[in-house]
Amino acid sequence: MPIDFWTYSFLCGSAFLAGIMNAVAGGGTLLTFPALTGVLSAAMANGTSTVALLPGSCAGALGYRKELWECRRFVLRMCAPSLAGGFLGAWLVGENQDAFATLVPWLILTAALLFVAQAPLSKWVKSRAARDGVQPEHHEPGRLTQALVIGFQFLVATYGGYFGAGIGILMLSALGFMGVGDIHRMNAVKTCLAALINAASVVVFVRDGLVDWNFVLVMAAAATAGGYIGARVARRLPASYVRYAVIAIGFGLSAFYFVKKYV
């Protein structure tokens, strides 16, 4: 069906706001995915949203290059489960698109609940990092701990490849247990691994034809611009304000999709 100027404007606006949200508190998928479902199937909207937000995610990882170098051994250890899980999650979307469409309300509800947990979890992570003051170069966790965290990262990456919203919160919980370092190093690792997960899922979505290129480029440009502005806004605006907005949007969208699916 023909897409008019206002539809493009609405999609670019959602991507721009998603870029701001991702830079400040995360949760941009909760804007771009529902916006795209107005013109695409659920699976196509998911793939297109992931591709459109990928450049901003990669840019965020580059911005943390100093902290990533300090954690390079740990990051390299987490690359394989992140990529494998991202591939698997995206593959599952393409294998059963009807199942994905059915799970959409539950996925959005899960993302909203994860953002509710973000504040207390972030407080715990920061207090643990401040208390331990662990330097990644001088800390080598036991093999069992490493195996458990690698397995958990694979599960997080699988969820991330399948839908994606809230994966940063899940990763922060594991990083807090690992004693990776201060909150800046943990954010760096989280951002880098999220970019890897998204990159892996993009390969599968493109291969399976689950990306509408009519929307990707303009939305990616809008999301990147929003991410740049969001990084500047983040220095002045408490992230809690944006997080509350993400939670409200998440629960509202979840209710909408539940009613649409089951009523």
Protein backbone atom coordinates (compact mmCIF):
# COMPACT_ATOMS: atom_id res chain seq x y z
CA MET A 1 0.00 0.00 0.00
CA PRO A 2 1.30 3.53 -0.73
CA ILE A 3 2.94 5.28 2.19
CA ASP A 4 2.23 8.99 2.53
CA PHE A 5 4.34 11.82 3.90
CA TRP A 6 2.60 11.80 7.28
CA THR A 7 3.28 8.09 7.78
CA TYR A 8 6.99 8.64 7.09
CA SER A 9 6.97 11.63 9.42
CA PHE A 10 5.35 9.59 12.18
CA LEU A 11 7.85 6.74 11.78
CA CYS A 12 10.81 9.15 11.73
CA GLY A 13 9.43 10.91 14.80
CA SER A 14 9.16 7.61 16.66
CA ALA A 15 12.72 6.70 15.65
CA PHE A 16 14.02 10.11 16.74
CA LEU A 17 12.37 9.76 20.16
CA ALA A 18 13.61 6.16 20.38
CA GLY A 19 17.17 7.40 19.85
CA ILE A 20 16.75 9.89 22.68
CA MET A 21 15.23 7.24 24.96
CA ASN A 22 18.00 4.73 24.23
CA ALA A 23 20.65 7.33 25.05
CA VAL A 24 19.00 8.37 28.31
CA ALA A 25 17.30 5.29 29.74
CA GLY A 26 16.80 2.66 27.03
CA GLY A 27 13.52 1.28 25.71
CA GLY A 28 13.50 2.82 22.24
CA THR A 29 12.14 -0.41 20.74
CA LEU A 30 8.87 0.25 22.58
CA LEU A 31 8.36 3.25 20.28
CA THR A 32 9.62 2.08 16.89
CA PHE A 33 8.13 -1.43 16.96
CA PRO A 34 4.49 -0.40 17.65
CA ALA A 35 4.79 2.46 15.16
CA LEU A 36 5.89 0.04 12.44
CA THR A 37 3.13 -2.47 13.20
CA GLY A 38 0.72 0.13 11.80
CA VAL A 39 2.11 -0.53 8.30
CA LEU A 40 3.93 -3.88 8.57
CA SER A 41 3.38 -7.34 10.02
CA ALA A 42 4.70 -7.93 13.55
CA ALA A 43 7.74 -9.91 12.35
CA MET A 44 8.58 -7.35 9.64
CA ALA A 45 8.16 -4.51 12.13
CA ASN A 46 10.54 -6.24 14.55
CA GLY A 47 13.23 -6.76 11.92
CA THR A 48 12.89 -3.26 10.49
CA SER A 49 12.99 -1.67 13.95
CA THR A 50 16.14 -3.62 14.87
CA VAL A 51 17.97 -2.57 11.71
CA ALA A 52 16.90 1.07 12.09
CA LEU A 53 18.19 1.29 15.66
CA LEU A 54 21.45 -0.60 15.05
CA PRO A 55 23.61 2.41 13.98
CA GLY A 56 22.80 4.25 17.20
CA SER A 57 23.64 1.15 19.22
CA CYS A 58 27.01 0.78 17.46
CA ALA A 59 27.74 4.49 17.96
CA GLY A 60 27.08 4.10 21.68
CA ALA A 61 29.55 1.21 21.86
CA LEU A 62 32.23 3.30 20.12
CA GLY A 63 31.66 6.05 22.63
CA TYR A 64 32.72 3.65 25.39
CA ARG A 65 35.93 2.50 23.66
CA LYS A 66 38.20 3.51 26.56
CA GLU A 67 36.16 1.54 29.11
CA LEU A 68 35.81 -1.38 26.69
CA TRP A 69 39.59 -1.61 26.31
CA GLU A 70 39.90 -1.91 30.08
CA CYS A 71 37.39 -4.81 30.02
CA ARG A 72 38.58 -6.35 26.76
CA ARG A 73 39.15 -9.89 28.08
CA PHE A 74 35.68 -10.10 29.56
CA VAL A 75 34.06 -8.58 26.45
CA LEU A 76 35.84 -11.07 24.18
CA ARG A 77 34.63 -13.91 26.39
CA MET A 78 31.04 -12.72 26.01
CA CYS A 79 31.14 -12.22 22.23
CA ALA A 80 30.39 -15.83 21.26
CA PRO A 81 27.25 -16.30 23.42
CA SER A 82 26.01 -12.85 22.42
CA LEU A 83 26.33 -13.54 18.70
CA ALA A 84 25.00 -17.10 18.94
CA GLY A 85 21.99 -16.05 21.01
CA GLY A 86 21.26 -13.11 18.72
CA PHE A 87 21.29 -15.42 15.69
CA LEU A 88 19.04 -17.97 17.41
CA GLY A 89 16.49 -15.44 18.63
CA ALA A 90 16.15 -13.80 15.22
CA TRP A 91 15.94 -17.21 13.53
CA LEU A 92 13.04 -18.17 15.81
CA VAL A 93 11.13 -15.07 14.67
CA GLY A 94 11.45 -16.05 11.02
CA GLU A 95 10.66 -19.71 11.68
CA ASN A 96 7.25 -18.97 13.18
CA GLN A 97 6.02 -15.46 12.51
CA ASP A 98 2.51 -16.27 13.75
CA ALA A 99 3.91 -17.32 17.14
CA PHE A 100 5.85 -14.07 17.35
CA ALA A 101 2.69 -12.06 16.59
CA THR A 102 0.87 -13.98 19.34
CA LEU A 103 3.64 -13.28 21.85
CA VAL A 104 3.84 -9.54 21.12
CA PRO A 105 1.63 -8.45 24.10
CA TRP A 106 3.63 -10.67 26.45
CA LEU A 107 6.97 -9.44 25.09
CA ILE A 108 5.99 -5.80 25.58
CA LEU A 109 4.69 -6.56 29.08
CA THR A 110 7.99 -8.30 29.91
CA ALA A 111 9.92 -5.26 28.69
CA ALA A 112 7.78 -2.93 30.80
CA LEU A 113 8.30 -5.08 33.91
CA LEU A 114 12.05 -5.08 33.29
CA PHE A 115 12.04 -1.29 33.26
CA VAL A 116 10.14 -1.28 36.56
CA ALA A 117 13.00 -3.34 37.97
CA GLN A 118 15.63 -1.05 36.47
CA ALA A 119 15.80 1.53 39.28
CA PRO A 120 16.36 -0.86 42.22
CA LEU A 121 18.68 -3.00 40.12
CA SER A 122 20.78 -0.01 39.02
CA LYS A 123 21.02 1.14 42.64
CA TRP A 124 22.24 -2.28 43.70
CA VAL A 125 24.77 -2.49 40.83
CA LYS A 126 26.18 0.95 41.62
CA SER A 127 26.48 0.22 45.35
CA ARG A 128 28.21 -3.10 44.69
CA ALA A 129 30.64 -1.53 42.22
CA ALA A 130 31.42 1.31 44.63
CA ARG A 131 31.91 -1.11 47.51
CA ASP A 132 34.11 -3.63 45.70
CA GLY A 133 36.02 -1.25 43.44
CA VAL A 134 37.07 -4.25 41.39
CA GLN A 135 39.46 -3.73 38.50
CA PRO A 136 38.83 -6.21 35.68
CA GLU A 137 42.55 -6.70 35.04
CA HIS A 138 43.06 -8.01 38.58
CA HIS A 139 39.91 -10.04 38.98
CA GLU A 140 39.36 -13.47 37.43
CA PRO A 141 36.11 -15.15 38.49
CA GLY A 142 35.98 -18.92 38.96
CA ARG A 143 35.23 -21.24 36.06
CA LEU A 144 31.79 -22.15 37.35
CA THR A 145 30.84 -18.48 37.69
CA GLN A 146 32.14 -17.81 34.20
CA ALA A 147 30.14 -20.72 32.77
CA LEU A 148 26.96 -19.55 34.49
CA VAL A 149 27.36 -15.98 33.24
CA ILE A 150 28.13 -17.16 29.70
CA GLY A 151 25.01 -19.33 29.77
CA PHE A 152 22.93 -16.46 31.12
CA GLN A 153 24.31 -14.15 28.44
CA PHE A 154 23.29 -16.66 25.77
CA LEU A 155 19.71 -16.67 27.10
CA VAL A 156 19.65 -12.86 27.26
CA ALA A 157 21.00 -12.68 23.70
CA THR A 158 18.34 -15.14 22.50
CA TYR A 159 15.64 -12.94 23.98
CA GLY A 160 17.41 -9.90 22.50
CA GLY A 161 17.46 -11.42 19.03
CA TYR A 162 13.80 -12.32 19.37
CA PHE A 163 12.56 -8.94 20.61
CA GLY A 164 15.22 -6.94 22.41
CA ALA A 165 13.62 -4.39 24.73
CA GLY A 166 15.11 -4.63 28.22
CA ILE A 167 18.22 -6.71 27.46
CA GLY A 168 20.48 -4.05 28.97
CA ILE A 169 18.78 -4.44 32.34
CA LEU A 170 19.25 -8.20 32.28
CA MET A 171 22.93 -7.86 31.38
CA LEU A 172 23.58 -5.34 34.14
CA SER A 173 22.33 -7.83 36.71
CA ALA A 174 24.91 -10.40 35.56
CA LEU A 175 27.70 -7.83 35.33
CA GLY A 176 27.02 -6.78 38.90
CA PHE A 177 27.65 -10.34 40.08
CA MET A 178 30.82 -10.61 37.97
CA GLY A 179 32.54 -7.59 39.51
CA VAL A 180 33.44 -6.15 36.12
CA GLY A 181 34.23 -2.75 37.61
CA ASP A 182 32.46 0.55 38.15
CA ILE A 183 29.14 1.50 36.59
CA HIS A 184 30.83 3.10 33.57
CA ARG A 185 32.61 -0.13 32.68
CA MET A 186 29.40 -2.09 33.15
CA ASN A 187 27.50 0.31 30.90
CA ALA A 188 30.27 0.00 28.32
CA VAL A 189 30.11 -3.80 28.33
CA LYS A 190 26.31 -3.77 28.24
CA THR A 191 26.24 -1.35 25.29
CA CYS A 192 28.84 -3.29 23.32
CA LEU A 193 27.19 -6.67 23.85
CA ALA A 194 23.77 -5.25 22.98
CA ALA A 195 25.24 -3.96 19.70
CA LEU A 196 26.63 -7.43 18.97
CA ILE A 197 23.28 -9.06 19.69
CA ASN A 198 21.48 -6.60 17.44
CA ALA A 199 24.08 -6.99 14.68
CA ALA A 200 23.69 -10.78 14.74
CA SER A 201 19.90 -10.55 14.59
CA VAL A 202 20.09 -8.03 11.73
CA VAL A 203 22.01 -10.55 9.60
CA VAL A 204 19.22 -13.09 10.07
CA PHE A 205 16.40 -10.58 9.55
CA VAL A 206 17.98 -9.37 6.31
CA ARG A 207 18.54 -12.95 5.10
CA ASP A 208 14.94 -13.91 5.89
CA GLY A 209 13.52 -10.82 4.17
CA LEU A 210 12.09 -9.39 7.40
CA VAL A 211 13.33 -5.84 6.75
CA ASP A 212 11.44 -3.16 4.85
CA TRP A 213 14.17 -0.97 3.36
CA ASN A 214 11.64 1.75 2.49
CA PHE A 215 11.72 2.77 6.15
CA VAL A 216 15.13 1.71 7.46
CA LEU A 217 17.38 4.49 6.15
CA VAL A 218 15.22 7.45 7.17
CA MET A 219 14.44 5.89 10.56
CA ALA A 220 18.10 5.07 11.16
CA ALA A 221 19.08 8.67 10.43
CA ALA A 222 16.36 9.94 12.75
CA ALA A 223 17.34 7.50 15.54
CA THR A 224 21.02 8.47 15.25
CA ALA A 225 20.14 12.17 15.47
CA GLY A 226 17.97 11.41 18.49
CA GLY A 227 20.79 9.46 20.10
CA TYR A 228 23.17 12.40 19.69
CA ILE A 229 20.66 14.82 21.22
CA GLY A 230 19.76 12.30 23.89
CA ALA A 231 23.39 12.04 24.97
CA ARG A 232 23.40 15.81 25.53
CA VAL A 233 20.00 15.76 27.24
CA ALA A 234 21.14 12.94 29.54
CA ARG A 235 23.56 15.33 31.22
CA ARG A 236 20.70 17.63 32.25
CA LEU A 237 17.59 15.46 32.55
CA PRO A 238 17.21 12.82 35.28
CA ALA A 239 17.02 9.43 33.58
CA SER A 240 14.19 8.49 35.96
CA TYR A 241 11.82 10.86 34.11
CA VAL A 242 12.42 9.09 30.82
CA ARG A 243 12.29 5.68 32.51
CA TYR A 244 8.84 6.49 33.93
CA ALA A 245 7.73 7.46 30.43
CA VAL A 246 9.07 4.17 29.05
CA ILE A 247 7.20 2.22 31.74
CA ALA A 248 3.94 4.07 31.06
CA ILE A 249 4.31 3.54 27.32
CA GLY A 250 5.17 -0.13 27.83
CA PHE A 251 2.17 -0.93 30.02
CA GLY A 252 -0.13 1.12 27.78
CA LEU A 253 1.04 -0.67 24.64
CA SER A 254 0.85 -4.03 26.35
CA ALA A 255 -2.77 -3.38 27.32
CA PHE A 256 -3.55 -2.23 23.77
CA TYR A 257 -2.09 -5.37 22.20
CA PHE A 258 -3.77 -7.65 24.75
CA VAL A 259 -7.15 -6.09 23.96
CA LYS A 260 -6.45 -6.25 20.22
CA LYS A 261 -5.40 -9.91 20.42
CA TYR A 262 -7.79 -11.40 22.93
CA VAL A 263 -10.91 -9.20 23.12
